[in-house]
């Protein structure tokens, strides 16, 4: 396994621990609090982000020979967020699935997925290189490393949503820096540099929805 994959896996496990610790400190009423994602409560947010161990263990049976269509997290995010991409066409379905999962899961079960089940499933893939190509039902062929990068970004961005709803410390500095660099990579580089340096007022952000 590459050092980059080790780094991402370590940060992802750390982010999940933060979710578990935050969840364990919530009172019963906190789980029903609204978030700044207008359709979701805190419980919905947990259900959306919570790792599903079967998805990780299923990667072994999805391994493909040959090159991947998507080899990094930025590739995956560009594909999802392009005009007509799944971030636009499936947004309503994603929101409803989160609500259904929240109704079907007690807070303790969601906390366990972040605190024990997800990290154990992730550790079980320690021997799978980041360059391993797997079949994805929505993306075609993608590397394990790219999926890990997107999972870390999701855990970090939504942890900020959670902090905005219930308070608490920000995500780890390394996760924030990784996520900011990944999102910057999604943008057109010239447009991003010119906007970031004050040379253009053309809208560049957001790069994901």
N, C-alpha and C. Protein backbone atom coordinates (compact mmCIF):
# COMPACT_ATOMS: atom_id res chain seq x y z
N UNK A 1 0.86 -1.19 0.00
CA UNK A 1 0.00 0.00 0.00
C UNK A 1 0.89 1.24 0.00
N UNK A 2 0.53 2.24 -0.79
CA UNK A 2 1.35 3.43 -0.91
C UNK A 2 1.23 4.28 0.35
N UNK A 3 2.23 5.16 0.54
CA UNK A 3 2.19 6.04 1.70
C UNK A 3 1.00 6.99 1.61
N UNK A 4 0.63 7.44 0.38
CA UNK A 4 -0.53 8.30 0.22
C UNK A 4 -1.80 7.59 0.68
N UNK A 5 -1.94 6.32 0.30
CA UNK A 5 -3.12 5.57 0.73
C UNK A 5 -3.14 5.40 2.25
N UNK A 6 -1.98 5.15 2.84
CA UNK A 6 -1.87 5.08 4.29
C UNK A 6 -2.33 6.39 4.93
N UNK A 7 -1.88 7.50 4.35
CA UNK A 7 -2.20 8.82 4.88
C UNK A 7 -3.71 9.06 4.84
N UNK A 8 -4.33 8.80 3.70
CA UNK A 8 -5.76 9.02 3.56
C UNK A 8 -6.53 8.10 4.50
N UNK A 9 -6.12 6.84 4.57
CA UNK A 9 -6.82 5.89 5.44
C UNK A 9 -6.73 6.31 6.91
N UNK A 10 -5.57 6.80 7.31
CA UNK A 10 -5.39 7.26 8.68
C UNK A 10 -6.29 8.46 8.98
N UNK A 11 -6.33 9.42 8.05
CA UNK A 11 -7.16 10.61 8.25
C UNK A 11 -8.64 10.26 8.24
N UNK A 12 -9.03 9.31 7.40
CA UNK A 12 -10.43 8.91 7.35
C UNK A 12 -10.86 8.25 8.66
N UNK A 13 -10.04 7.35 9.18
CA UNK A 13 -10.35 6.71 10.45
C UNK A 13 -10.42 7.75 11.57
N UNK A 14 -9.53 8.74 11.53
CA UNK A 14 -9.54 9.80 12.54
C UNK A 14 -10.82 10.63 12.45
N UNK A 15 -11.25 10.93 11.20
CA UNK A 15 -12.49 11.69 11.01
C UNK A 15 -13.69 10.91 11.54
N UNK A 16 -13.71 9.61 11.27
CA UNK A 16 -14.82 8.80 11.77
C UNK A 16 -14.84 8.75 13.29
N UNK A 17 -13.67 8.72 13.91
CA UNK A 17 -13.64 8.75 15.38
C UNK A 17 -14.23 10.06 15.91
N UNK A 18 -13.97 11.14 15.20
CA UNK A 18 -14.55 12.43 15.61
C UNK A 18 -16.07 12.39 15.53
N UNK A 19 -16.60 11.78 14.48
CA UNK A 19 -18.05 11.63 14.36
C UNK A 19 -18.59 10.79 15.52
N UNK A 20 -17.91 9.71 15.84
CA UNK A 20 -18.38 8.83 16.93
C UNK A 20 -18.35 9.57 18.26
N UNK A 21 -17.26 10.27 18.53
CA UNK A 21 -17.15 11.00 19.79
C UNK A 21 -18.20 12.10 19.89
N UNK A 22 -18.44 12.81 18.78
CA UNK A 22 -19.45 13.86 18.79
C UNK A 22 -20.83 13.27 19.01
N UNK A 23 -21.11 12.15 18.35
CA UNK A 23 -22.41 11.51 18.50
C UNK A 23 -22.66 11.02 19.91
N UNK A 24 -21.62 10.49 20.54
CA UNK A 24 -21.77 9.98 21.91
C UNK A 24 -22.08 11.09 22.90
N UNK A 25 -21.72 12.32 22.55
CA UNK A 25 -21.95 13.46 23.46
C UNK A 25 -23.29 14.14 23.22
N UNK A 26 -24.03 13.72 22.18
CA UNK A 26 -25.30 14.38 21.86
C UNK A 26 -26.42 13.92 22.79
N UNK A 27 -27.29 14.83 23.13
CA UNK A 27 -28.50 14.48 23.87
C UNK A 27 -29.58 14.02 22.90
N UNK A 28 -30.64 13.46 23.43
CA UNK A 28 -31.71 12.92 22.58
C UNK A 28 -32.28 13.98 21.65
N UNK A 29 -32.47 15.20 22.15
CA UNK A 29 -33.05 16.26 21.33
C UNK A 29 -32.11 16.72 20.22
N UNK A 30 -30.79 16.56 20.44
CA UNK A 30 -29.82 17.03 19.44
C UNK A 30 -29.96 16.30 18.12
N UNK A 31 -30.35 15.03 18.17
CA UNK A 31 -30.43 14.24 16.94
C UNK A 31 -31.51 14.75 16.00
N UNK A 32 -32.47 15.48 16.53
CA UNK A 32 -33.54 16.02 15.71
C UNK A 32 -33.31 17.48 15.32
N UNK A 33 -32.17 18.02 15.68
CA UNK A 33 -31.88 19.41 15.32
C UNK A 33 -31.75 19.54 13.80
N UNK A 34 -32.20 20.66 13.25
CA UNK A 34 -31.97 20.90 11.82
C UNK A 34 -30.51 21.22 11.56
N UNK A 35 -30.06 20.98 10.36
CA UNK A 35 -28.71 21.36 9.94
C UNK A 35 -28.83 22.42 8.85
N UNK A 36 -27.70 22.96 8.44
CA UNK A 36 -27.74 23.96 7.37
C UNK A 36 -28.01 23.32 6.01
N UNK A 37 -28.00 21.99 5.95
CA UNK A 37 -28.51 21.28 4.78
C UNK A 37 -30.01 21.15 5.01
N UNK A 38 -30.77 22.00 4.41
CA UNK A 38 -32.14 22.30 4.85
C UNK A 38 -33.04 21.09 4.96
N UNK A 39 -32.77 20.04 4.20
CA UNK A 39 -33.66 18.88 4.24
C UNK A 39 -33.29 17.89 5.34
N UNK A 40 -32.13 18.07 6.00
CA UNK A 40 -31.61 17.06 6.90
C UNK A 40 -31.52 17.52 8.34
N UNK A 41 -31.87 16.59 9.24
CA UNK A 41 -31.58 16.76 10.66
C UNK A 41 -30.18 16.21 10.94
N UNK A 42 -29.74 16.37 12.18
CA UNK A 42 -28.45 15.79 12.57
C UNK A 42 -28.46 14.28 12.35
N UNK A 43 -29.56 13.65 12.68
CA UNK A 43 -29.65 12.20 12.50
C UNK A 43 -29.57 11.82 11.02
N UNK A 44 -30.21 12.58 10.16
CA UNK A 44 -30.12 12.34 8.72
C UNK A 44 -28.68 12.49 8.24
N UNK A 45 -28.00 13.51 8.76
CA UNK A 45 -26.61 13.75 8.37
C UNK A 45 -25.73 12.58 8.77
N UNK A 46 -25.91 12.08 10.00
CA UNK A 46 -25.16 10.91 10.44
C UNK A 46 -25.43 9.71 9.53
N UNK A 47 -26.69 9.49 9.19
CA UNK A 47 -27.03 8.34 8.36
C UNK A 47 -26.42 8.45 6.97
N UNK A 48 -26.32 9.67 6.45
CA UNK A 48 -25.74 9.88 5.12
C UNK A 48 -24.24 9.58 5.10
N UNK A 49 -23.53 10.01 6.14
CA UNK A 49 -22.07 9.90 6.15
C UNK A 49 -21.58 8.57 6.72
N UNK A 50 -22.38 7.94 7.57
CA UNK A 50 -21.92 6.73 8.28
C UNK A 50 -21.39 5.67 7.31
N UNK A 51 -20.19 5.14 7.58
CA UNK A 51 -19.64 4.11 6.70
C UNK A 51 -20.48 2.84 6.73
N UNK A 52 -20.60 2.23 5.58
CA UNK A 52 -21.31 0.95 5.45
C UNK A 52 -20.24 -0.13 5.26
N UNK A 53 -19.97 -0.94 6.29
CA UNK A 53 -18.87 -1.91 6.19
C UNK A 53 -18.95 -2.80 4.96
N UNK A 54 -20.18 -3.18 4.57
CA UNK A 54 -20.33 -4.08 3.41
C UNK A 54 -19.79 -3.45 2.12
N UNK A 55 -19.85 -2.13 2.03
CA UNK A 55 -19.34 -1.47 0.84
C UNK A 55 -17.82 -1.61 0.75
N UNK A 56 -17.17 -1.58 1.91
CA UNK A 56 -15.71 -1.71 1.92
C UNK A 56 -15.28 -3.15 1.66
N UNK A 57 -15.90 -4.07 2.36
CA UNK A 57 -15.53 -5.48 2.15
C UNK A 57 -15.89 -5.93 0.74
N UNK A 58 -16.92 -5.33 0.15
CA UNK A 58 -17.32 -5.69 -1.21
C UNK A 58 -16.34 -5.27 -2.28
N UNK A 59 -15.40 -4.39 -1.93
CA UNK A 59 -14.41 -3.96 -2.93
C UNK A 59 -13.58 -5.13 -3.44
N UNK A 60 -13.33 -6.10 -2.59
CA UNK A 60 -12.50 -7.24 -3.01
C UNK A 60 -13.15 -8.02 -4.15
N UNK A 61 -14.46 -8.15 -4.11
CA UNK A 61 -15.15 -8.90 -5.17
C UNK A 61 -15.38 -8.05 -6.41
N UNK A 62 -15.07 -6.74 -6.32
CA UNK A 62 -15.29 -5.84 -7.46
C UNK A 62 -14.00 -5.51 -8.20
N UNK A 63 -12.89 -6.15 -7.82
CA UNK A 63 -11.60 -5.84 -8.44
C UNK A 63 -11.62 -6.20 -9.93
N UNK A 64 -11.06 -5.29 -10.74
CA UNK A 64 -11.01 -5.46 -12.19
C UNK A 64 -9.57 -5.49 -12.67
N UNK A 65 -9.35 -6.13 -13.81
CA UNK A 65 -8.07 -6.02 -14.51
C UNK A 65 -8.13 -4.83 -15.45
N UNK A 66 -7.00 -4.22 -15.71
CA UNK A 66 -6.98 -3.12 -16.66
C UNK A 66 -7.02 -1.76 -16.00
N UNK A 67 -6.86 -0.70 -16.80
CA UNK A 67 -6.79 0.65 -16.25
C UNK A 67 -8.15 1.16 -15.77
N UNK A 68 -8.10 2.14 -14.86
CA UNK A 68 -9.32 2.74 -14.34
C UNK A 68 -9.70 3.97 -15.16
N UNK A 69 -10.99 4.22 -15.27
CA UNK A 69 -11.46 5.46 -15.90
C UNK A 69 -11.20 6.66 -14.99
N UNK A 70 -11.31 6.46 -13.69
CA UNK A 70 -11.13 7.53 -12.73
C UNK A 70 -10.04 7.10 -11.74
N UNK A 71 -8.99 7.92 -11.63
CA UNK A 71 -7.83 7.49 -10.86
C UNK A 71 -7.53 8.36 -9.63
N UNK A 72 -8.30 9.41 -9.42
CA UNK A 72 -8.09 10.24 -8.24
C UNK A 72 -9.41 10.84 -7.80
N UNK A 73 -9.42 11.35 -6.58
CA UNK A 73 -10.65 11.89 -6.04
C UNK A 73 -11.19 13.05 -6.86
N UNK A 74 -10.31 13.89 -7.40
CA UNK A 74 -10.76 15.02 -8.20
C UNK A 74 -11.50 14.55 -9.45
N UNK A 75 -11.03 13.45 -10.05
CA UNK A 75 -11.73 12.87 -11.21
C UNK A 75 -13.16 12.48 -10.84
N UNK A 76 -13.30 11.83 -9.68
CA UNK A 76 -14.61 11.38 -9.23
C UNK A 76 -15.54 12.58 -9.00
N UNK A 77 -15.02 13.61 -8.34
CA UNK A 77 -15.85 14.78 -8.04
C UNK A 77 -16.24 15.53 -9.30
N UNK A 78 -15.33 15.63 -10.26
CA UNK A 78 -15.68 16.27 -11.53
C UNK A 78 -16.79 15.50 -12.24
N UNK A 79 -16.70 14.19 -12.21
CA UNK A 79 -17.71 13.36 -12.87
C UNK A 79 -19.07 13.53 -12.21
N UNK A 80 -19.10 13.50 -10.89
CA UNK A 80 -20.36 13.65 -10.17
C UNK A 80 -20.98 15.03 -10.38
N UNK A 81 -20.14 16.06 -10.45
CA UNK A 81 -20.64 17.43 -10.42
C UNK A 81 -20.70 18.12 -11.78
N UNK A 82 -20.37 17.43 -12.85
CA UNK A 82 -20.49 18.04 -14.17
C UNK A 82 -21.98 18.30 -14.47
N UNK A 83 -22.28 19.20 -15.40
CA UNK A 83 -23.68 19.45 -15.75
C UNK A 83 -24.39 18.15 -16.15
N UNK A 84 -25.50 17.89 -15.51
CA UNK A 84 -26.22 16.65 -15.76
C UNK A 84 -25.67 15.47 -15.01
N UNK A 85 -24.66 15.69 -14.16
CA UNK A 85 -24.07 14.60 -13.38
C UNK A 85 -24.94 14.23 -12.20
N UNK A 86 -24.53 13.18 -11.50
CA UNK A 86 -25.35 12.62 -10.43
C UNK A 86 -25.56 13.59 -9.27
N UNK A 87 -24.62 14.49 -9.03
CA UNK A 87 -24.81 15.46 -7.95
C UNK A 87 -26.03 16.33 -8.20
N UNK A 88 -26.40 16.48 -9.46
CA UNK A 88 -27.57 17.27 -9.82
C UNK A 88 -28.82 16.40 -10.00
N UNK A 89 -28.65 15.31 -10.75
CA UNK A 89 -29.83 14.51 -11.09
C UNK A 89 -30.31 13.62 -9.95
N UNK A 90 -29.40 13.25 -9.05
CA UNK A 90 -29.77 12.31 -7.97
C UNK A 90 -29.81 12.97 -6.60
N UNK A 91 -29.76 14.28 -6.53
CA UNK A 91 -29.71 14.95 -5.22
C UNK A 91 -30.93 14.62 -4.37
N UNK A 92 -32.10 14.65 -4.98
CA UNK A 92 -33.31 14.34 -4.23
C UNK A 92 -33.32 12.92 -3.72
N UNK A 93 -32.85 11.99 -4.55
CA UNK A 93 -32.81 10.59 -4.15
C UNK A 93 -31.82 10.37 -3.01
N UNK A 94 -30.67 11.04 -3.06
CA UNK A 94 -29.68 10.92 -2.00
C UNK A 94 -30.25 11.42 -0.68
N UNK A 95 -30.96 12.56 -0.73
CA UNK A 95 -31.55 13.12 0.48
C UNK A 95 -32.59 12.17 1.07
N UNK A 96 -33.41 11.59 0.22
CA UNK A 96 -34.45 10.69 0.71
C UNK A 96 -33.85 9.41 1.29
N UNK A 97 -32.80 8.90 0.66
CA UNK A 97 -32.14 7.70 1.18
C UNK A 97 -31.55 7.96 2.56
N UNK A 98 -31.01 9.16 2.76
CA UNK A 98 -30.46 9.50 4.07
C UNK A 98 -31.57 9.53 5.12
N UNK A 99 -32.71 10.10 4.76
CA UNK A 99 -33.82 10.15 5.71
C UNK A 99 -34.34 8.75 6.03
N UNK A 100 -34.42 7.89 5.01
CA UNK A 100 -34.88 6.52 5.25
C UNK A 100 -33.90 5.77 6.15
N UNK A 101 -32.60 5.95 5.89
CA UNK A 101 -31.59 5.28 6.71
C UNK A 101 -31.64 5.78 8.14
N UNK A 102 -31.90 7.08 8.32
CA UNK A 102 -31.99 7.64 9.67
C UNK A 102 -33.17 7.07 10.43
N UNK A 103 -34.30 6.90 9.74
CA UNK A 103 -35.48 6.34 10.40
C UNK A 103 -35.26 4.88 10.79
N UNK A 104 -34.41 4.19 10.04
CA UNK A 104 -34.19 2.77 10.28
C UNK A 104 -33.05 2.49 11.26
N UNK A 105 -32.34 3.53 11.69
CA UNK A 105 -31.15 3.33 12.53
C UNK A 105 -31.24 4.14 13.81
N UNK A 106 -31.01 3.49 14.92
CA UNK A 106 -30.92 4.19 16.19
C UNK A 106 -29.58 4.93 16.28
N UNK A 107 -29.53 6.03 17.02
CA UNK A 107 -28.27 6.76 17.17
C UNK A 107 -27.10 5.87 17.59
N UNK A 108 -27.34 4.94 18.50
CA UNK A 108 -26.25 4.07 18.95
C UNK A 108 -25.67 3.26 17.81
N UNK A 109 -26.53 2.83 16.90
CA UNK A 109 -26.05 2.04 15.76
C UNK A 109 -25.23 2.91 14.81
N UNK A 110 -25.65 4.15 14.61
CA UNK A 110 -24.90 5.06 13.76
C UNK A 110 -23.53 5.37 14.37
N UNK A 111 -23.51 5.59 15.67
CA UNK A 111 -22.24 5.85 16.35
C UNK A 111 -21.30 4.66 16.21
N UNK A 112 -21.84 3.44 16.33
CA UNK A 112 -21.01 2.24 16.21
C UNK A 112 -20.41 2.09 14.82
N UNK A 113 -21.14 2.53 13.81
CA UNK A 113 -20.60 2.43 12.45
C UNK A 113 -19.39 3.34 12.28
N UNK A 114 -19.43 4.51 12.93
CA UNK A 114 -18.27 5.40 12.88
C UNK A 114 -17.16 4.95 13.81
N UNK A 115 -17.53 4.45 14.99
CA UNK A 115 -16.53 4.17 16.02
C UNK A 115 -15.85 2.83 15.90
N UNK A 116 -16.57 1.80 15.41
CA UNK A 116 -15.98 0.46 15.38
C UNK A 116 -16.13 -0.23 14.02
N UNK A 117 -17.34 -0.31 13.50
CA UNK A 117 -17.58 -1.13 12.31
C UNK A 117 -16.86 -0.59 11.08
N UNK A 118 -16.99 0.71 10.82
CA UNK A 118 -16.32 1.29 9.66
C UNK A 118 -14.81 1.19 9.75
N UNK A 119 -14.20 1.62 10.87
CA UNK A 119 -12.75 1.50 10.98
C UNK A 119 -12.24 0.07 10.86
N UNK A 120 -12.98 -0.90 11.39
CA UNK A 120 -12.55 -2.30 11.27
C UNK A 120 -12.59 -2.75 9.82
N UNK A 121 -13.64 -2.36 9.09
CA UNK A 121 -13.73 -2.72 7.67
C UNK A 121 -12.62 -2.05 6.88
N UNK A 122 -12.32 -0.81 7.21
CA UNK A 122 -11.25 -0.09 6.52
C UNK A 122 -9.90 -0.74 6.78
N UNK A 123 -9.65 -1.13 8.03
CA UNK A 123 -8.39 -1.79 8.37
C UNK A 123 -8.26 -3.12 7.65
N UNK A 124 -9.39 -3.76 7.36
CA UNK A 124 -9.36 -5.02 6.65
C UNK A 124 -8.92 -4.91 5.21
N UNK A 125 -8.84 -3.68 4.70
CA UNK A 125 -8.40 -3.46 3.32
C UNK A 125 -6.96 -2.95 3.27
N UNK A 126 -6.25 -3.07 4.38
CA UNK A 126 -4.90 -2.51 4.46
C UNK A 126 -3.95 -3.08 3.40
N UNK A 127 -4.23 -4.28 2.93
CA UNK A 127 -3.34 -4.90 1.95
C UNK A 127 -3.74 -4.58 0.51
N UNK A 128 -4.80 -3.79 0.32
CA UNK A 128 -5.29 -3.48 -1.02
C UNK A 128 -4.66 -2.16 -1.48
N UNK A 129 -3.77 -2.18 -2.48
CA UNK A 129 -3.09 -0.95 -2.90
C UNK A 129 -4.07 0.10 -3.39
N UNK A 130 -3.69 1.36 -3.27
CA UNK A 130 -4.56 2.44 -3.72
C UNK A 130 -4.78 2.41 -5.22
N UNK A 131 -3.86 1.79 -5.96
CA UNK A 131 -3.99 1.70 -7.42
C UNK A 131 -4.92 0.58 -7.88
N UNK A 132 -5.44 -0.23 -6.94
CA UNK A 132 -6.35 -1.32 -7.30
C UNK A 132 -7.58 -0.74 -7.99
N UNK A 133 -7.96 -1.34 -9.12
CA UNK A 133 -9.11 -0.87 -9.89
C UNK A 133 -10.32 -1.71 -9.53
N UNK A 134 -11.43 -1.05 -9.25
CA UNK A 134 -12.66 -1.76 -8.90
C UNK A 134 -13.82 -1.23 -9.75
N UNK A 135 -14.84 -2.08 -9.90
CA UNK A 135 -16.05 -1.67 -10.60
C UNK A 135 -16.95 -0.91 -9.64
N UNK A 136 -17.49 0.21 -10.11
CA UNK A 136 -18.39 1.02 -9.30
C UNK A 136 -19.72 1.13 -10.05
N UNK A 137 -20.85 0.94 -9.36
CA UNK A 137 -22.14 0.91 -10.06
C UNK A 137 -22.51 2.22 -10.73
N UNK A 138 -21.94 3.33 -10.29
CA UNK A 138 -22.28 4.63 -10.86
C UNK A 138 -21.14 5.28 -11.63
N UNK A 139 -19.91 4.87 -11.35
CA UNK A 139 -18.75 5.55 -11.90
C UNK A 139 -17.99 4.74 -12.95
N UNK A 140 -18.34 3.48 -13.12
CA UNK A 140 -17.57 2.63 -14.02
C UNK A 140 -16.40 2.04 -13.27
N UNK A 141 -15.19 2.23 -13.78
CA UNK A 141 -14.00 1.70 -13.12
C UNK A 141 -13.25 2.83 -12.43
N UNK A 142 -12.85 2.58 -11.18
CA UNK A 142 -12.24 3.63 -10.36
C UNK A 142 -11.24 2.98 -9.42
N UNK A 143 -10.22 3.72 -9.04
CA UNK A 143 -9.22 3.16 -8.13
C UNK A 143 -9.71 3.24 -6.68
N UNK A 144 -9.20 2.33 -5.87
CA UNK A 144 -9.51 2.34 -4.45
C UNK A 144 -9.05 3.65 -3.81
N UNK A 145 -7.90 4.15 -4.25
CA UNK A 145 -7.39 5.40 -3.70
C UNK A 145 -8.32 6.57 -3.95
N UNK A 146 -8.90 6.63 -5.14
CA UNK A 146 -9.83 7.72 -5.47
C UNK A 146 -11.06 7.66 -4.58
N UNK A 147 -11.58 6.48 -4.34
CA UNK A 147 -12.75 6.34 -3.47
C UNK A 147 -12.41 6.76 -2.04
N UNK A 148 -11.22 6.44 -1.57
CA UNK A 148 -10.81 6.84 -0.24
C UNK A 148 -10.69 8.35 -0.10
N UNK A 149 -10.16 9.00 -1.12
CA UNK A 149 -10.04 10.46 -1.08
C UNK A 149 -11.41 11.12 -1.00
N UNK A 150 -12.36 10.62 -1.77
CA UNK A 150 -13.71 11.21 -1.74
C UNK A 150 -14.38 10.94 -0.39
N UNK A 151 -14.17 9.75 0.16
CA UNK A 151 -14.74 9.43 1.47
C UNK A 151 -14.20 10.37 2.54
N UNK A 152 -12.91 10.69 2.49
CA UNK A 152 -12.32 11.62 3.45
C UNK A 152 -12.89 13.02 3.26
N UNK A 153 -13.03 13.45 2.02
CA UNK A 153 -13.61 14.76 1.75
C UNK A 153 -15.04 14.85 2.30
N UNK A 154 -15.84 13.81 2.04
CA UNK A 154 -17.23 13.79 2.52
C UNK A 154 -17.28 13.85 4.05
N UNK A 155 -16.45 13.05 4.69
CA UNK A 155 -16.45 13.02 6.16
C UNK A 155 -16.05 14.38 6.73
N UNK A 156 -15.15 15.08 6.05
CA UNK A 156 -14.66 16.37 6.54
C UNK A 156 -15.67 17.48 6.28
N UNK A 157 -16.18 17.57 5.06
CA UNK A 157 -17.15 18.61 4.72
C UNK A 157 -18.40 18.49 5.60
N UNK A 158 -18.89 17.27 5.74
CA UNK A 158 -20.11 17.09 6.53
C UNK A 158 -19.86 17.22 8.03
N UNK A 159 -18.62 17.00 8.47
CA UNK A 159 -18.30 17.26 9.88
C UNK A 159 -18.41 18.75 10.17
N UNK A 160 -18.06 19.58 9.19
CA UNK A 160 -18.26 21.02 9.34
C UNK A 160 -19.75 21.35 9.43
N UNK A 161 -20.57 20.62 8.65
CA UNK A 161 -22.02 20.79 8.76
C UNK A 161 -22.51 20.43 10.17
N UNK A 162 -21.95 19.36 10.71
CA UNK A 162 -22.33 18.92 12.05
C UNK A 162 -21.92 19.95 13.11
N UNK A 163 -20.70 20.47 12.98
CA UNK A 163 -20.22 21.49 13.92
C UNK A 163 -21.13 22.72 13.88
N UNK A 164 -21.56 23.09 12.67
CA UNK A 164 -22.45 24.25 12.55
C UNK A 164 -23.78 24.01 13.24
N UNK A 165 -24.21 22.74 13.32
CA UNK A 165 -25.50 22.42 13.92
C UNK A 165 -25.43 22.23 15.43
N UNK A 166 -24.38 21.58 15.92
CA UNK A 166 -24.35 21.22 17.35
C UNK A 166 -23.11 21.72 18.08
N UNK A 167 -22.20 22.40 17.37
CA UNK A 167 -20.99 22.90 18.00
C UNK A 167 -19.91 21.84 18.11
N UNK A 168 -18.83 22.21 18.75
CA UNK A 168 -17.71 21.29 18.92
C UNK A 168 -16.51 21.72 18.10
N UNK A 169 -15.39 21.03 18.29
CA UNK A 169 -14.16 21.41 17.59
C UNK A 169 -14.25 21.14 16.09
N UNK A 170 -13.46 21.88 15.34
CA UNK A 170 -13.38 21.69 13.89
C UNK A 170 -12.70 20.36 13.57
N UNK A 171 -12.84 19.88 12.33
CA UNK A 171 -12.10 18.68 11.93
C UNK A 171 -10.60 18.87 12.09
N UNK A 172 -9.87 17.77 12.09
CA UNK A 172 -8.42 17.82 12.24
C UNK A 172 -7.80 18.67 11.13
N UNK A 173 -6.74 19.39 11.49
CA UNK A 173 -6.09 20.29 10.54
C UNK A 173 -5.64 19.56 9.27
N UNK A 174 -5.10 18.36 9.41
CA UNK A 174 -4.62 17.63 8.23
C UNK A 174 -5.77 17.26 7.31
N UNK A 175 -6.91 16.91 7.88
CA UNK A 175 -8.08 16.58 7.05
C UNK A 175 -8.60 17.83 6.34
N UNK A 176 -8.58 18.96 7.02
CA UNK A 176 -9.02 20.21 6.41
C UNK A 176 -8.10 20.59 5.24
N UNK A 177 -6.81 20.46 5.44
CA UNK A 177 -5.87 20.83 4.38
C UNK A 177 -5.99 19.87 3.20
N UNK A 178 -6.15 18.59 3.47
CA UNK A 178 -6.33 17.63 2.39
C UNK A 178 -7.59 17.96 1.59
N UNK A 179 -8.68 18.24 2.30
CA UNK A 179 -9.95 18.50 1.64
C UNK A 179 -9.90 19.79 0.83
N UNK A 180 -9.29 20.83 1.38
CA UNK A 180 -9.20 22.09 0.63
C UNK A 180 -8.37 21.91 -0.63
N UNK A 181 -7.29 21.14 -0.55
CA UNK A 181 -6.45 20.90 -1.72
C UNK A 181 -7.20 20.07 -2.78
N UNK A 182 -7.97 19.08 -2.32
CA UNK A 182 -8.73 18.26 -3.26
C UNK A 182 -9.79 19.09 -3.97
N UNK A 183 -10.51 19.94 -3.24
CA UNK A 183 -11.55 20.75 -3.86
C UNK A 183 -10.95 21.77 -4.82
N UNK A 184 -9.78 22.32 -4.48
CA UNK A 184 -9.11 23.24 -5.39
C UNK A 184 -8.71 22.54 -6.68
N UNK A 185 -8.34 21.26 -6.58
CA UNK A 185 -7.94 20.49 -7.75
C UNK A 185 -9.10 20.25 -8.70
N UNK A 186 -10.32 20.24 -8.17
CA UNK A 186 -11.50 20.01 -9.01
C UNK A 186 -11.74 21.19 -9.94
N UNK A 187 -11.45 22.39 -9.48
CA UNK A 187 -11.69 23.59 -10.28
C UNK A 187 -10.75 23.67 -11.47
N UNK A 188 -11.18 24.41 -12.50
CA UNK A 188 -10.28 24.70 -13.61
C UNK A 188 -9.07 25.46 -13.06
N UNK A 189 -7.85 25.00 -13.32
CA UNK A 189 -6.70 25.59 -12.63
C UNK A 189 -6.47 27.06 -12.96
N UNK A 190 -6.61 27.43 -14.22
CA UNK A 190 -6.39 28.84 -14.58
C UNK A 190 -7.45 29.73 -13.93
N UNK A 191 -8.72 29.32 -14.04
CA UNK A 191 -9.81 30.11 -13.46
C UNK A 191 -9.64 30.23 -11.95
N UNK A 192 -9.23 29.13 -11.30
CA UNK A 192 -9.06 29.15 -9.85
C UNK A 192 -7.92 30.08 -9.45
N UNK A 193 -6.78 29.98 -10.12
CA UNK A 193 -5.63 30.81 -9.78
C UNK A 193 -5.95 32.28 -9.98
N UNK A 194 -6.60 32.61 -11.08
CA UNK A 194 -6.89 34.02 -11.35
C UNK A 194 -7.91 34.58 -10.36
N UNK A 195 -8.89 33.75 -9.98
CA UNK A 195 -9.87 34.22 -9.00
C UNK A 195 -9.23 34.33 -7.62
N UNK A 196 -8.41 33.34 -7.24
CA UNK A 196 -7.78 33.33 -5.92
C UNK A 196 -6.77 34.46 -5.77
N UNK A 197 -6.17 34.89 -6.87
CA UNK A 197 -5.17 35.95 -6.82
C UNK A 197 -5.76 37.32 -7.13
N UNK A 198 -7.08 37.41 -7.22
CA UNK A 198 -7.74 38.68 -7.44
C UNK A 198 -7.64 39.22 -8.85
N UNK A 199 -7.28 38.37 -9.80
CA UNK A 199 -7.14 38.82 -11.18
C UNK A 199 -8.40 38.60 -12.02
N UNK A 200 -9.39 37.95 -11.42
CA UNK A 200 -10.63 37.69 -12.13
C UNK A 200 -11.78 37.68 -11.13
N UNK A 201 -12.92 38.15 -11.57
CA UNK A 201 -14.12 38.09 -10.74
C UNK A 201 -15.11 37.06 -11.26
N UNK A 202 -14.66 36.25 -12.22
CA UNK A 202 -15.51 35.19 -12.75
C UNK A 202 -15.81 34.17 -11.65
N UNK A 203 -17.05 33.72 -11.52
CA UNK A 203 -17.38 32.74 -10.47
C UNK A 203 -16.70 31.40 -10.71
N UNK A 204 -16.01 30.91 -9.71
CA UNK A 204 -15.31 29.63 -9.79
C UNK A 204 -15.93 28.60 -8.84
N UNK A 205 -16.44 29.08 -7.73
CA UNK A 205 -17.00 28.22 -6.69
C UNK A 205 -18.51 28.31 -6.69
N UNK A 206 -19.21 27.28 -6.20
CA UNK A 206 -18.67 26.03 -5.66
C UNK A 206 -18.25 25.05 -6.77
N UNK A 207 -17.37 24.12 -6.42
CA UNK A 207 -16.96 23.09 -7.37
C UNK A 207 -17.72 21.79 -7.16
N UNK A 208 -18.38 21.67 -6.00
CA UNK A 208 -19.27 20.53 -5.76
C UNK A 208 -20.54 21.06 -5.14
N UNK A 209 -21.59 20.26 -5.17
CA UNK A 209 -22.84 20.67 -4.51
C UNK A 209 -23.19 19.67 -3.42
